[in-house]
């Protein structure tokens, strides 16, 4: 259950980004995947399309339709902000962090391999 404060905050964010409810097409689709019989029998997956920009979101994070409506609008705001501003989304920041970690681990691994090759007497 999403609290009213979060919904108000989301509405304010949508207004700041100039996303209006009448510009959205919202459909409810039958869910799939993990979540049991309730998920597959109810139309709790939310499909959102922002008509002016063509941004499409499909959200199935929760078994609850209302929660998914909230999460879909949050994702829409994030994608809208990423597309029309220089700020990076949380997903982009997370992917960059993973990329840096892999690079650092590869560097450490190659250093240790080089050291082990040079230290063995022949």
PDB file of N, CA and C in Angstrom:
ATOM      1  N   UNK A   1       0.843  -1.183   0.000  1.00  0.00           N
ATOM      2  CA  UNK A   1       0.000   0.000   0.000  1.00  0.00           C
ATOM      3  C   UNK A   1       0.888   1.247   0.000  1.00  0.00           C
ATOM      4  N   UNK A   2       0.625   2.118  -0.912  1.00  0.00           N
ATOM      5  CA  UNK A   2       1.395   3.353  -1.048  1.00  0.00           C
ATOM      6  C   UNK A   2       0.715   4.440  -0.212  1.00  0.00           C
ATOM      7  N   UNK A   3       1.511   5.155   0.577  1.00  0.00           N
ATOM      8  CA  UNK A   3       0.960   6.208   1.429  1.00  0.00           C
ATOM      9  C   UNK A   3       0.575   7.433   0.610  1.00  0.00           C
ATOM     10  N   UNK A   4      -0.351   8.206   1.145  1.00  0.00           N
ATOM     11  CA  UNK A   4      -0.836   9.405   0.447  1.00  0.00           C
ATOM     12  C   UNK A   4       0.265  10.425   0.222  1.00  0.00           C
ATOM     13  N   UNK A   5       1.211  10.514   1.174  1.00  0.00           N
ATOM     14  CA  UNK A   5       2.305  11.477   1.027  1.00  0.00           C
ATOM     15  C   UNK A   5       3.128  11.173  -0.226  1.00  0.00           C
ATOM     16  N   UNK A   6       3.367   9.880  -0.466  1.00  0.00           N
ATOM     17  CA  UNK A   6       4.134   9.493  -1.649  1.00  0.00           C
ATOM     18  C   UNK A   6       3.363   9.806  -2.927  1.00  0.00           C
ATOM     19  N   UNK A   7       2.065   9.591  -2.898  1.00  0.00           N
ATOM     20  CA  UNK A   7       1.241   9.876  -4.079  1.00  0.00           C
ATOM     21  C   UNK A   7       1.235  11.369  -4.358  1.00  0.00           C
ATOM     22  N   UNK A   8       1.142  12.181  -3.307  1.00  0.00           N
ATOM     23  CA  UNK A   8       1.170  13.638  -3.478  1.00  0.00           C
ATOM     24  C   UNK A   8       2.521  14.076  -4.028  1.00  0.00           C
ATOM     25  N   UNK A   9       3.593  13.487  -3.510  1.00  0.00           N
ATOM     26  CA  UNK A   9       4.938  13.815  -3.985  1.00  0.00           C
ATOM     27  C   UNK A   9       5.093  13.454  -5.467  1.00  0.00           C
ATOM     28  N   UNK A  10       4.545  12.299  -5.850  1.00  0.00           N
ATOM     29  CA  UNK A  10       4.598  11.873  -7.250  1.00  0.00           C
ATOM     30  C   UNK A  10       3.798  12.820  -8.135  1.00  0.00           C
ATOM     31  N   UNK A  11       2.633  13.235  -7.678  1.00  0.00           N
ATOM     32  CA  UNK A  11       1.804  14.172  -8.438  1.00  0.00           C
ATOM     33  C   UNK A  11       2.532  15.494  -8.634  1.00  0.00           C
ATOM     34  N   UNK A  12       3.195  15.968  -7.583  1.00  0.00           N
ATOM     35  CA  UNK A  12       3.977  17.206  -7.696  1.00  0.00           C
ATOM     36  C   UNK A  12       5.117  17.046  -8.698  1.00  0.00           C
ATOM     37  N   UNK A  13       5.772  15.886  -8.666  1.00  0.00           N
ATOM     38  CA  UNK A  13       6.871  15.636  -9.611  1.00  0.00           C
ATOM     39  C   UNK A  13       6.350  15.607 -11.047  1.00  0.00           C
ATOM     40  N   UNK A  14       5.189  14.979 -11.244  1.00  0.00           N
ATOM     41  CA  UNK A  14       4.597  14.931 -12.586  1.00  0.00           C
ATOM     42  C   UNK A  14       4.231  16.333 -13.059  1.00  0.00           C
ATOM     43  N   UNK A  15       3.703  17.151 -12.167  1.00  0.00           N
ATOM     44  CA  UNK A  15       3.369  18.534 -12.526  1.00  0.00           C
ATOM     45  C   UNK A  15       4.621  19.329 -12.868  1.00  0.00           C
ATOM     46  N   UNK A  16       5.707  19.103 -12.120  1.00  0.00           N
ATOM     47  CA  UNK A  16       6.958  19.813 -12.387  1.00  0.00           C
ATOM     48  C   UNK A  16       7.525  19.435 -13.752  1.00  0.00           C
ATOM     49  N   UNK A  17       7.341  18.164 -14.142  1.00  0.00           N
ATOM     50  CA  UNK A  17       7.815  17.702 -15.448  1.00  0.00           C
ATOM     51  C   UNK A  17       6.799  17.964 -16.566  1.00  0.00           C
ATOM     52  N   UNK A  18       5.674  18.542 -16.200  1.00  0.00           N
ATOM     53  CA  UNK A  18       4.578  18.855 -17.132  1.00  0.00           C
ATOM     54  C   UNK A  18       3.987  17.591 -17.771  1.00  0.00           C
ATOM     55  N   UNK A  19       3.844  16.559 -16.964  1.00  0.00           N
ATOM     56  CA  UNK A  19       3.163  15.342 -17.397  1.00  0.00           C
ATOM     57  C   UNK A  19       1.753  15.400 -16.825  1.00  0.00           C
ATOM     58  N   UNK A  20       0.762  15.386 -17.696  1.00  0.00           N
ATOM     59  CA  UNK A  20      -0.625  15.477 -17.253  1.00  0.00           C
ATOM     60  C   UNK A  20      -1.309  14.124 -17.416  1.00  0.00           C
ATOM     61  N   UNK A  21      -2.258  13.847 -16.527  1.00  0.00           N
ATOM     62  CA  UNK A  21      -2.968  12.572 -16.552  1.00  0.00           C
ATOM     63  C   UNK A  21      -3.717  12.357 -17.869  1.00  0.00           C
ATOM     64  N   UNK A  22      -4.255  13.425 -18.468  1.00  0.00           N
ATOM     65  CA  UNK A  22      -5.005  13.259 -19.715  1.00  0.00           C
ATOM     66  C   UNK A  22      -4.093  12.925 -20.895  1.00  0.00           C
ATOM     67  N   UNK A  23      -2.774  13.100 -20.739  1.00  0.00           N
ATOM     68  CA  UNK A  23      -1.816  12.743 -21.791  1.00  0.00           C
ATOM     69  C   UNK A  23      -1.385  11.282 -21.698  1.00  0.00           C
ATOM     70  N   UNK A  24      -1.903  10.547 -20.711  1.00  0.00           N
ATOM     71  CA  UNK A  24      -1.492   9.166 -20.492  1.00  0.00           C
ATOM     72  C   UNK A  24      -2.572   8.191 -20.941  1.00  0.00           C
ATOM     73  N   UNK A  25      -2.138   7.119 -21.601  1.00  0.00           N
ATOM     74  CA  UNK A  25      -3.017   5.986 -21.879  1.00  0.00           C
ATOM     75  C   UNK A  25      -2.631   4.917 -20.871  1.00  0.00           C
ATOM     76  N   UNK A  26      -3.623   4.438 -20.130  1.00  0.00           N
ATOM     77  CA  UNK A  26      -3.353   3.450 -19.091  1.00  0.00           C
ATOM     78  C   UNK A  26      -4.187   2.205 -19.366  1.00  0.00           C
ATOM     79  N   UNK A  27      -3.504   1.056 -19.434  1.00  0.00           N
ATOM     80  CA  UNK A  27      -4.183  -0.221 -19.643  1.00  0.00           C
ATOM     81  C   UNK A  27      -3.724  -1.186 -18.566  1.00  0.00           C
ATOM     82  N   UNK A  28      -4.592  -2.134 -18.249  1.00  0.00           N
ATOM     83  CA  UNK A  28      -4.263  -3.159 -17.264  1.00  0.00           C
ATOM     84  C   UNK A  28      -4.222  -4.506 -17.972  1.00  0.00           C
ATOM     85  N   UNK A  29      -3.103  -5.207 -17.797  1.00  0.00           N
ATOM     86  CA  UNK A  29      -2.837  -6.441 -18.524  1.00  0.00           C
ATOM     87  C   UNK A  29      -2.710  -7.583 -17.523  1.00  0.00           C
ATOM     88  N   UNK A  30      -3.063  -8.805 -17.960  1.00  0.00           N
ATOM     89  CA  UNK A  30      -2.867  -9.975 -17.107  1.00  0.00           C
ATOM     90  C   UNK A  30      -1.386 -10.161 -16.822  1.00  0.00           C
ATOM     91  N   UNK A  31      -1.075 -10.468 -15.582  1.00  0.00           N
ATOM     92  CA  UNK A  31       0.315 -10.637 -15.189  1.00  0.00           C
ATOM     93  C   UNK A  31       0.869 -11.983 -15.620  1.00  0.00           C
ATOM     94  N   UNK A  32       2.191 -12.108 -15.532  1.00  0.00           N
ATOM     95  CA  UNK A  32       2.848 -13.367 -15.861  1.00  0.00           C
ATOM     96  C   UNK A  32       4.069 -13.519 -14.967  1.00  0.00           C
ATOM     97  N   UNK A  33       4.620 -14.728 -14.929  1.00  0.00           N
ATOM     98  CA  UNK A  33       5.829 -14.965 -14.153  1.00  0.00           C
ATOM     99  C   UNK A  33       5.533 -15.347 -12.719  1.00  0.00           C
ATOM    100  N   UNK A  34       6.507 -15.100 -11.829  1.00  0.00           N
ATOM    101  CA  UNK A  34       6.379 -15.465 -10.421  1.00  0.00           C
ATOM    102  C   UNK A  34       5.305 -14.625  -9.749  1.00  0.00           C
ATOM    103  N   UNK A  35       4.666 -15.188  -8.741  1.00  0.00           N
ATOM    104  CA  UNK A  35       3.661 -14.453  -7.997  1.00  0.00           C
ATOM    105  C   UNK A  35       2.427 -15.279  -7.734  1.00  0.00           C
ATOM    106  N   UNK A  36       2.369 -16.457  -8.309  1.00  0.00           N
ATOM    107  CA  UNK A  36       1.268 -17.358  -8.020  1.00  0.00           C
ATOM    108  C   UNK A  36       0.051 -17.149  -8.893  1.00  0.00           C
ATOM    109  N   UNK A  37      -0.991 -17.893  -8.542  1.00  0.00           N
ATOM    110  CA  UNK A  37      -2.215 -17.911  -9.336  1.00  0.00           C
ATOM    111  C   UNK A  37      -2.887 -16.545  -9.368  1.00  0.00           C
ATOM    112  N   UNK A  38      -2.853 -15.817  -8.267  1.00  0.00           N
ATOM    113  CA  UNK A  38      -3.512 -14.508  -8.219  1.00  0.00           C
ATOM    114  C   UNK A  38      -2.939 -13.567  -9.271  1.00  0.00           C
ATOM    115  N   UNK A  39      -1.635 -13.598  -9.451  1.00  0.00           N
ATOM    116  CA  UNK A  39      -0.992 -12.714 -10.417  1.00  0.00           C
ATOM    117  C   UNK A  39      -1.430 -13.042 -11.837  1.00  0.00           C
ATOM    118  N   UNK A  40      -1.540 -14.335 -12.159  1.00  0.00           N
ATOM    119  CA  UNK A  40      -1.900 -14.711 -13.518  1.00  0.00           C
ATOM    120  C   UNK A  40      -3.387 -14.524 -13.818  1.00  0.00           C
ATOM    121  N   UNK A  41      -4.232 -14.501 -12.798  1.00  0.00           N
ATOM    122  CA  UNK A  41      -5.677 -14.377 -13.018  1.00  0.00           C
ATOM    123  C   UNK A  41      -6.165 -12.936 -13.019  1.00  0.00           C
ATOM    124  N   UNK A  42      -5.412 -12.030 -12.413  1.00  0.00           N
ATOM    125  CA  UNK A  42      -5.871 -10.643 -12.314  1.00  0.00           C
ATOM    126  C   UNK A  42      -5.079  -9.745 -13.251  1.00  0.00           C
ATOM    127  N   UNK A  43      -5.726  -8.703 -13.719  1.00  0.00           N
ATOM    128  CA  UNK A  43      -5.078  -7.733 -14.610  1.00  0.00           C
ATOM    129  C   UNK A  43      -4.409  -6.666 -13.751  1.00  0.00           C
ATOM    130  N   UNK A  44      -3.284  -7.030 -13.142  1.00  0.00           N
ATOM    131  CA  UNK A  44      -2.610  -6.099 -12.239  1.00  0.00           C
ATOM    132  C   UNK A  44      -1.394  -5.437 -12.874  1.00  0.00           C
ATOM    133  N   UNK A  45      -0.946  -5.928 -14.025  1.00  0.00           N
ATOM    134  CA  UNK A  45       0.184  -5.311 -14.715  1.00  0.00           C
ATOM    135  C   UNK A  45      -0.300  -4.027 -15.373  1.00  0.00           C
ATOM    136  N   UNK A  46       0.465  -2.952 -15.213  1.00  0.00           N
ATOM    137  CA  UNK A  46       0.063  -1.641 -15.730  1.00  0.00           C
ATOM    138  C   UNK A  46       0.896  -1.293 -16.955  1.00  0.00           C
ATOM    139  N   UNK A  47       0.206  -0.871 -18.005  1.00  0.00           N
ATOM    140  CA  UNK A  47       0.853  -0.377 -19.222  1.00  0.00           C
ATOM    141  C   UNK A  47       0.516   1.103 -19.331  1.00  0.00           C
ATOM    142  N   UNK A  48       1.540   1.946 -19.369  1.00  0.00           N
ATOM    143  CA  UNK A  48       1.352   3.397 -19.487  1.00  0.00           C
ATOM    144  C   UNK A  48       2.016   3.886 -20.761  1.00  0.00           C
ATOM    145  N   UNK A  49       1.345   4.784 -21.467  1.00  0.00           N
ATOM    146  CA  UNK A  49       1.958   5.415 -22.635  1.00  0.00           C
ATOM    147  C   UNK A  49       1.704   6.911 -22.550  1.00  0.00           C
ATOM    148  N   UNK A  50       2.791   7.686 -22.657  1.00  0.00           N
ATOM    149  CA  UNK A  50       2.688   9.141 -22.681  1.00  0.00           C
ATOM    150  C   UNK A  50       2.538   9.540 -24.142  1.00  0.00           C
ATOM    151  N   UNK A  51       1.371  10.030 -24.518  1.00  0.00           N
ATOM    152  CA  UNK A  51       1.037  10.278 -25.922  1.00  0.00           C
ATOM    153  C   UNK A  51       1.972  11.289 -26.589  1.00  0.00           C
ATOM    154  N   UNK A  52       2.240  12.463 -26.000  1.00  0.00           N
ATOM    155  CA  UNK A  52       3.089  13.440 -26.701  1.00  0.00           C
ATOM    156  C   UNK A  52       4.507  12.948 -26.998  1.00  0.00           C
ATOM    157  N   UNK A  53       5.101  12.176 -26.088  1.00  0.00           N
ATOM    158  CA  UNK A  53       6.484  11.738 -26.290  1.00  0.00           C
ATOM    159  C   UNK A  53       6.590  10.317 -26.811  1.00  0.00           C
ATOM    160  N   UNK A  54       5.560   9.517 -26.621  1.00  0.00           N
ATOM    161  CA  UNK A  54       5.603   8.126 -27.054  1.00  0.00           C
ATOM    162  C   UNK A  54       6.306   7.202 -26.075  1.00  0.00           C
ATOM    163  N   UNK A  55       6.655   7.692 -24.881  1.00  0.00           N
ATOM    164  CA  UNK A  55       7.299   6.843 -23.872  1.00  0.00           C
ATOM    165  C   UNK A  55       6.309   5.780 -23.389  1.00  0.00           C
ATOM    166  N   UNK A  56       6.760   4.533 -23.331  1.00  0.00           N
ATOM    167  CA  UNK A  56       5.914   3.430 -22.894  1.00  0.00           C
ATOM    168  C   UNK A  56       6.534   2.750 -21.683  1.00  0.00           C
ATOM    169  N   UNK A  57       5.694   2.410 -20.718  1.00  0.00           N
ATOM    170  CA  UNK A  57       6.132   1.745 -19.494  1.00  0.00           C
ATOM    171  C   UNK A  57       5.218   0.554 -19.260  1.00  0.00           C
ATOM    172  N   UNK A  58       5.809  -0.569 -18.891  1.00  0.00           N
ATOM    173  CA  UNK A  58       5.041  -1.742 -18.473  1.00  0.00           C
ATOM    174  C   UNK A  58       5.565  -2.131 -17.105  1.00  0.00           C
ATOM    175  N   UNK A  59       4.697  -2.171 -16.107  1.00  0.00           N
ATOM    176  CA  UNK A  59       5.141  -2.380 -14.731  1.00  0.00           C
ATOM    177  C   UNK A  59       4.388  -3.537 -14.080  1.00  0.00           C
ATOM    178  N   UNK A  60       5.154  -4.466 -13.504  1.00  0.00           N
ATOM    179  CA  UNK A  60       4.591  -5.601 -12.785  1.00  0.00           C
ATOM    180  C   UNK A  60       5.435  -5.879 -11.550  1.00  0.00           C
ATOM    181  N   UNK A  61       5.743  -4.843 -10.783  1.00  0.00           N
ATOM    182  CA  UNK A  61       6.600  -5.003  -9.607  1.00  0.00           C
ATOM    183  C   UNK A  61       5.871  -5.649  -8.444  1.00  0.00           C
ATOM    184  N   UNK A  62       4.563  -5.450  -8.381  1.00  0.00           N
ATOM    185  CA  UNK A  62       3.794  -5.902  -7.239  1.00  0.00           C
ATOM    186  C   UNK A  62       2.589  -6.710  -7.712  1.00  0.00           C
ATOM    187  N   UNK A  63       1.938  -7.391  -6.785  1.00  0.00           N
ATOM    188  CA  UNK A  63       0.703  -8.103  -7.126  1.00  0.00           C
ATOM    189  C   UNK A  63      -0.495  -7.166  -7.074  1.00  0.00           C
ATOM    190  N   UNK A  64      -0.294  -5.981  -6.549  1.00  0.00           N
ATOM    191  CA  UNK A  64      -1.375  -5.011  -6.397  1.00  0.00           C
ATOM    192  C   UNK A  64      -1.415  -4.053  -7.586  1.00  0.00           C
ATOM    193  N   UNK A  65      -2.613  -3.843  -8.123  1.00  0.00           N
ATOM    194  CA  UNK A  65      -2.771  -2.934  -9.261  1.00  0.00           C
ATOM    195  C   UNK A  65      -2.427  -1.504  -8.874  1.00  0.00           C
ATOM    196  N   UNK A  66      -2.867  -1.057  -7.708  1.00  0.00           N
ATOM    197  CA  UNK A  66      -2.616   0.324  -7.280  1.00  0.00           C
ATOM    198  C   UNK A  66      -1.126   0.588  -7.085  1.00  0.00           C
ATOM    199  N   UNK A  67      -0.429  -0.371  -6.502  1.00  0.00           N
ATOM    200  CA  UNK A  67       1.020  -0.216  -6.336  1.00  0.00           C
ATOM    201  C   UNK A  67       1.702  -0.123  -7.694  1.00  0.00           C
ATOM    202  N   UNK A  68       1.279  -0.969  -8.631  1.00  0.00           N
ATOM    203  CA  UNK A  68       1.873  -0.952  -9.963  1.00  0.00           C
ATOM    204  C   UNK A  68       1.572   0.350 -10.703  1.00  0.00           C
ATOM    205  N   UNK A  69       0.408   0.930 -10.464  1.00  0.00           N
ATOM    206  CA  UNK A  69       0.090   2.233 -11.072  1.00  0.00           C
ATOM    207  C   UNK A  69       1.078   3.288 -10.575  1.00  0.00           C
ATOM    208  N   UNK A  70       1.360   3.261  -9.277  1.00  0.00           N
ATOM    209  CA  UNK A  70       2.314   4.203  -8.689  1.00  0.00           C
ATOM    210  C   UNK A  70       3.713   3.987  -9.265  1.00  0.00           C
ATOM    211  N   UNK A  71       4.171   2.725  -9.275  1.00  0.00           N
ATOM    212  CA  UNK A  71       5.520   2.420  -9.765  1.00  0.00           C
ATOM    213  C   UNK A  71       5.672   2.765 -11.246  1.00  0.00           C
ATOM    214  N   UNK A  72       4.625   2.541 -12.037  1.00  0.00           N
ATOM    215  CA  UNK A  72       4.687   2.861 -13.467  1.00  0.00           C
ATOM    216  C   UNK A  72       4.834   4.363 -13.666  1.00  0.00           C
ATOM    217  N   UNK A  73       4.111   5.147 -12.890  1.00  0.00           N
ATOM    218  CA  UNK A  73       4.227   6.601 -13.007  1.00  0.00           C
ATOM    219  C   UNK A  73       5.604   7.085 -12.549  1.00  0.00           C
ATOM    220  N   UNK A  74       6.154   6.436 -11.520  1.00  0.00           N
ATOM    221  CA  UNK A  74       7.507   6.780 -11.078  1.00  0.00           C
ATOM    222  C   UNK A  74       8.516   6.514 -12.192  1.00  0.00           C
ATOM    223  N   UNK A  75       8.409   5.348 -12.813  1.00  0.00           N
ATOM    224  CA  UNK A  75       9.318   5.011 -13.914  1.00  0.00           C
ATOM    225  C   UNK A  75       9.151   5.967 -15.085  1.00  0.00           C
ATOM    226  N   UNK A  76       7.908   6.344 -15.367  1.00  0.00           N
ATOM    227  CA  UNK A  76       7.658   7.291 -16.455  1.00  0.00           C
ATOM    228  C   UNK A  76       8.356   8.612 -16.165  1.00  0.00           C
ATOM    229  N   UNK A  77       8.253   9.090 -14.930  1.00  0.00           N
ATOM    230  CA  UNK A  77       8.921  10.341 -14.554  1.00  0.00           C
ATOM    231  C   UNK A  77      10.434  10.208 -14.705  1.00  0.00           C
ATOM    232  N   UNK A  78      10.990   9.077 -14.285  1.00  0.00           N
ATOM    233  CA  UNK A  78      12.436   8.874 -14.394  1.00  0.00           C
ATOM    234  C   UNK A  78      12.881   8.858 -15.850  1.00  0.00           C
ATOM    235  N   UNK A  79      12.146   8.135 -16.701  1.00  0.00           N
ATOM    236  CA  UNK A  79      12.513   8.077 -18.118  1.00  0.00           C
ATOM    237  C   UNK A  79      12.341   9.433 -18.788  1.00  0.00           C
ATOM    238  N   UNK A  80      11.277  10.133 -18.430  1.00  0.00           N
ATOM    239  CA  UNK A  80      11.019  11.454 -18.996  1.00  0.00           C
ATOM    240  C   UNK A  80      12.149  12.401 -18.618  1.00  0.00           C
ATOM    241  N   UNK A  81      12.551  12.359 -17.353  1.00  0.00           N
ATOM    242  CA  UNK A  81      13.623  13.222 -16.867  1.00  0.00           C
ATOM    243  C   UNK A  81      14.948  12.865 -17.535  1.00  0.00           C
ATOM    244  N   UNK A  82      15.203  11.583 -17.726  1.00  0.00           N
ATOM    245  CA  UNK A  82      16.448  11.161 -18.375  1.00  0.00           C
ATOM    246  C   UNK A  82      16.479  11.576 -19.841  1.00  0.00           C
ATOM    247  N   UNK A  83      15.338  11.514 -20.497  1.00  0.00           N
ATOM    248  CA  UNK A  83      15.287  11.830 -21.923  1.00  0.00           C
ATOM    249  C   UNK A  83      15.389  13.327 -22.183  1.00  0.00           C
ATOM    250  N   UNK A  84      14.875  14.140 -21.280  1.00  0.00           N
ATOM    251  CA  UNK A  84      14.782  15.571 -21.548  1.00  0.00           C
ATOM    252  C   UNK A  84      15.611  16.440 -20.619  1.00  0.00           C
ATOM    253  N   UNK A  85      16.549  15.828 -19.901  1.00  0.00           N
ATOM    254  CA  UNK A  85      17.471  16.616 -19.079  1.00  0.00           C
ATOM    255  C   UNK A  85      18.811  15.901 -19.043  1.00  0.00           C
ATOM    256  N   UNK A  86      19.803  16.553 -18.498  1.00  0.00           N
ATOM    257  CA  UNK A  86      21.140  15.972 -18.434  1.00  0.00           C
ATOM    258  C   UNK A  86      21.338  15.078 -17.216  1.00  0.00           C
ATOM    259  N   UNK A  87      20.359  15.027 -16.329  1.00  0.00           N
ATOM    260  CA  UNK A  87      20.482  14.208 -15.126  1.00  0.00           C
ATOM    261  C   UNK A  87      20.360  12.730 -15.478  1.00  0.00           C
ATOM    262  N   UNK A  88      21.070  11.892 -14.719  1.00  0.00           N
ATOM    263  CA  UNK A  88      21.033  10.458 -14.952  1.00  0.00           C
ATOM    264  C   UNK A  88      20.015   9.808 -14.020  1.00  0.00           C
ATOM    265  N   UNK A  89      19.385   8.755 -14.503  1.00  0.00           N
ATOM    266  CA  UNK A  89      18.410   8.036 -13.690  1.00  0.00           C
ATOM    267  C   UNK A  89      19.131   7.141 -12.694  1.00  0.00           C
ATOM    268  N   UNK A  90      18.378   6.630 -11.736  1.00  0.00           N
ATOM    269  CA  UNK A  90      18.951   5.722 -10.741  1.00  0.00           C
ATOM    270  C   UNK A  90      19.496   4.471 -11.422  1.00  0.00           C
ATOM    271  N   UNK A  91      18.790   3.993 -12.431  1.00  0.00           N
ATOM    272  CA  UNK A  91      19.226   2.796 -13.150  1.00  0.00           C
ATOM    273  C   UNK A  91      20.550   3.040 -13.864  1.00  0.00           C
ATOM    274  N   UNK A  92      20.692   4.205 -14.489  1.00  0.00           N
ATOM    275  CA  UNK A  92      21.946   4.533 -15.167  1.00  0.00           C
ATOM    276  C   UNK A  92      23.096   4.639 -14.171  1.00  0.00           C
ATOM    277  N   UNK A  93      22.848   5.254 -13.014  1.00  0.00           N
ATOM    278  CA  UNK A  93      23.881   5.364 -11.984  1.00  0.00           C
ATOM    279  C   UNK A  93      24.294   3.989 -11.470  1.00  0.00           C
ATOM    280  N   UNK A  94      23.314   3.099 -11.297  1.00  0.00           N
ATOM    281  CA  UNK A  94      23.600   1.749 -10.827  1.00  0.00           C
ATOM    282  C   UNK A  94      24.439   0.984 -11.851  1.00  0.00           C
ATOM    283  N   UNK A  95      24.103   1.115 -13.125  1.00  0.00           N
ATOM    284  CA  UNK A  95      24.853   0.430 -14.179  1.00  0.00           C
ATOM    285  C   UNK A  95      26.289   0.956 -14.262  1.00  0.00           C
ATOM    286  N   UNK A  96      26.472   2.266 -14.100  1.00  0.00           N
ATOM    287  CA  UNK A  96      27.820   2.839 -14.106  1.00  0.00           C
ATOM    288  C   UNK A  96      28.646   2.313 -12.939  1.00  0.00           C
ATOM    289  N   UNK A  97      28.019   2.192 -11.783  1.00  0.00           N
ATOM    290  CA  UNK A  97      28.723   1.682 -10.611  1.00  0.00           C
ATOM    291  C   UNK A  97      29.167   0.234 -10.842  1.00  0.00           C
ATOM    292  N   UNK A  98      28.303  -0.578 -11.417  1.00  0.00           N
ATOM    293  CA  UNK A  98      28.655  -1.967 -11.714  1.00  0.00           C
ATOM    294  C   UNK A  98      29.798  -2.019 -12.718  1.00  0.00           C
ATOM    295  N   UNK A  99      29.761  -1.153 -13.726  1.00  0.00           N
ATOM    296  CA  UNK A  99      30.816  -1.106 -14.737  1.00  0.00           C
ATOM    297  C   UNK A  99      32.165  -0.756 -14.098  1.00  0.00           C
ATOM    298  N   UNK A 100      32.146   0.238 -13.183  1.00  0.00           N
ATOM    299  CA  UNK A 100      33.382   0.624 -12.496  1.00  0.00           C
ATOM    300  C   UNK A 100      33.914  -0.519 -11.635  1.00  0.00           C
ATOM    301  N   UNK A 101      33.004  -1.220 -10.944  1.00  0.00           N
ATOM    302  CA  UNK A 101      33.420  -2.349 -10.109  1.00  0.00           C
ATOM    303  C   UNK A 101      34.090  -3.430 -10.948  1.00  0.00           C
ATOM    304  N   UNK A 102      33.486  -3.758 -12.078  1.00  0.00           N
ATOM    305  CA  UNK A 102      34.057  -4.798 -12.941  1.00  0.00           C
ATOM    306  C   UNK A 102      35.424  -4.384 -13.465  1.00  0.00           C
ATOM    307  N   UNK A 103      35.554  -3.122 -13.824  1.00  0.00           N
ATOM    308  CA  UNK A 103      36.833  -2.620 -14.326  1.00  0.00           C
ATOM    309  C   UNK A 103      37.906  -2.726 -13.241  1.00  0.00           C
ATOM    310  N   UNK A 104      37.551  -2.322 -12.020  1.00  0.00           N
ATOM    311  CA  UNK A 104      38.492  -2.368 -10.903  1.00  0.00           C
ATOM    312  C   UNK A 104      38.891  -3.816 -10.600  1.00  0.00           C
ATOM    313  N   UNK A 105      37.931  -4.726 -10.597  1.00  0.00           N
ATOM    314  CA  UNK A 105      38.231  -6.134 -10.322  1.00  0.00           C
ATOM    315  C   UNK A 105      39.124  -6.731 -11.410  1.00  0.00           C
ATOM    316  N   UNK A 106      38.852  -6.368 -12.658  1.00  0.00           N
ATOM    317  CA  UNK A 106      39.679  -6.880 -13.756  1.00  0.00           C
ATOM    318  C   UNK A 106      41.109  -6.368 -13.623  1.00  0.00           C
ATOM    319  N   UNK A 107      41.260  -5.111 -13.246  1.00  0.00           N
ATOM    320  CA  UNK A 107      42.585  -4.522 -13.066  1.00  0.00           C
ATOM    321  C   UNK A 107      43.339  -5.240 -11.948  1.00  0.00           C
ATOM    322  N   UNK A 108      42.655  -5.470 -10.818  1.00  0.00           N
ATOM    323  CA  UNK A 108      43.286  -6.167  -9.696  1.00  0.00           C
ATOM    324  C   UNK A 108      43.666  -7.586 -10.091  1.00  0.00           C
ATOM    325  N   UNK A 109      42.804  -8.237 -10.816  1.00  0.00           N
ATOM    326  CA  UNK A 109      43.052  -9.612 -11.240  1.00  0.00           C
ATOM    327  C   UNK A 109      44.252  -9.685 -12.177  1.00  0.00           C
ATOM    328  N   UNK A 110      44.327  -8.760 -13.119  1.00  0.00           N
ATOM    329  CA  UNK A 110      45.453  -8.777 -14.060  1.00  0.00           C
ATOM    330  C   UNK A 110      46.764  -8.442 -13.348  1.00  0.00           C
ATOM    331  N   UNK A 111      46.722  -7.575 -12.342  1.00  0.00           N
ATOM    332  CA  UNK A 111      47.928  -7.255 -11.566  1.00  0.00           C
ATOM    333  C   UNK A 111      48.426  -8.490 -10.834  1.00  0.00           C
ATOM    334  N   UNK A 112      47.508  -9.210 -10.204  1.00  0.00           N
ATOM    335  CA  UNK A 112      47.923 -10.386  -9.436  1.00  0.00           C
ATOM    336  C   UNK A 112      48.454 -11.475 -10.362  1.00  0.00           C
ATOM    337  N   UNK A 113      47.887 -11.597 -11.562  1.00  0.00           N
ATOM    338  CA  UNK A 113      48.401 -12.579 -12.520  1.00  0.00           C
ATOM    339  C   UNK A 113      49.805 -12.203 -12.987  1.00  0.00           C
ATOM    340  N   UNK A 114      50.024 -10.925 -13.233  1.00  0.00           N
ATOM    341  CA  UNK A 114      51.350 -10.464 -13.662  1.00  0.00           C
ATOM    342  C   UNK A 114      52.380 -10.692 -12.569  1.00  0.00           C
ATOM    343  N   UNK A 115      52.015 -10.418 -11.327  1.00  0.00           N
ATOM    344  CA  UNK A 115      52.939 -10.607 -10.212  1.00  0.00           C
ATOM    345  C   UNK A 115      53.273 -12.078 -10.025  1.00  0.00           C
ATOM    346  N   UNK A 116      52.291 -12.942 -10.164  1.00  0.00           N
ATOM    347  CA  UNK A 116      52.541 -14.368  -9.963  1.00  0.00           C
ATOM    348  C   UNK A 116      53.417 -14.938 -11.077  1.00  0.00           C
ATOM    349  N   UNK A 117      53.346 -14.413 -12.274  1.00  0.00           N
ATOM    350  CA  UNK A 117      54.176 -14.880 -13.383  1.00  0.00           C
ATOM    351  C   UNK A 117      55.634 -14.465 -13.196  1.00  0.00           C
ATOM    352  N   UNK A 118      55.843 -13.248 -12.726  1.00  0.00           N
ATOM    353  CA  UNK A 118      57.212 -12.742 -12.582  1.00  0.00           C
ATOM    354  C   UNK A 118      57.913 -13.301 -11.354  1.00  0.00           C
ATOM    355  N   UNK A 119      57.182 -13.728 -10.346  1.00  0.00           N
ATOM    356  CA  UNK A 119      57.809 -14.184  -9.110  1.00  0.00           C
ATOM    357  C   UNK A 119      58.204 -15.652  -9.144  1.00  0.00           C
ATOM    358  N   UNK A 120      57.746 -16.416 -10.118  1.00  0.00           N
ATOM    359  CA  UNK A 120      58.109 -17.834 -10.161  1.00  0.00           C
ATOM    360  C   UNK A 120      59.498 -18.004 -10.767  1.00  0.00           C
ATOM    361  N   UNK A 121      60.408 -18.681 -10.059  1.00  0.00           N
ATOM    362  CA  UNK A 121      61.769 -18.880 -10.595  1.00  0.00           C
ATOM    363  C   UNK A 121      61.769 -19.948 -11.678  1.00  0.00           C
ATOM    364  N   UNK A 122      62.591 -19.737 -12.689  1.00  0.00           N
ATOM    365  CA  UNK A 122      62.663 -20.700 -13.790  1.00  0.00           C
ATOM    366  C   UNK A 122      64.026 -21.294 -13.893  1.00  0.00           C
TER     367      UNK A 122
END
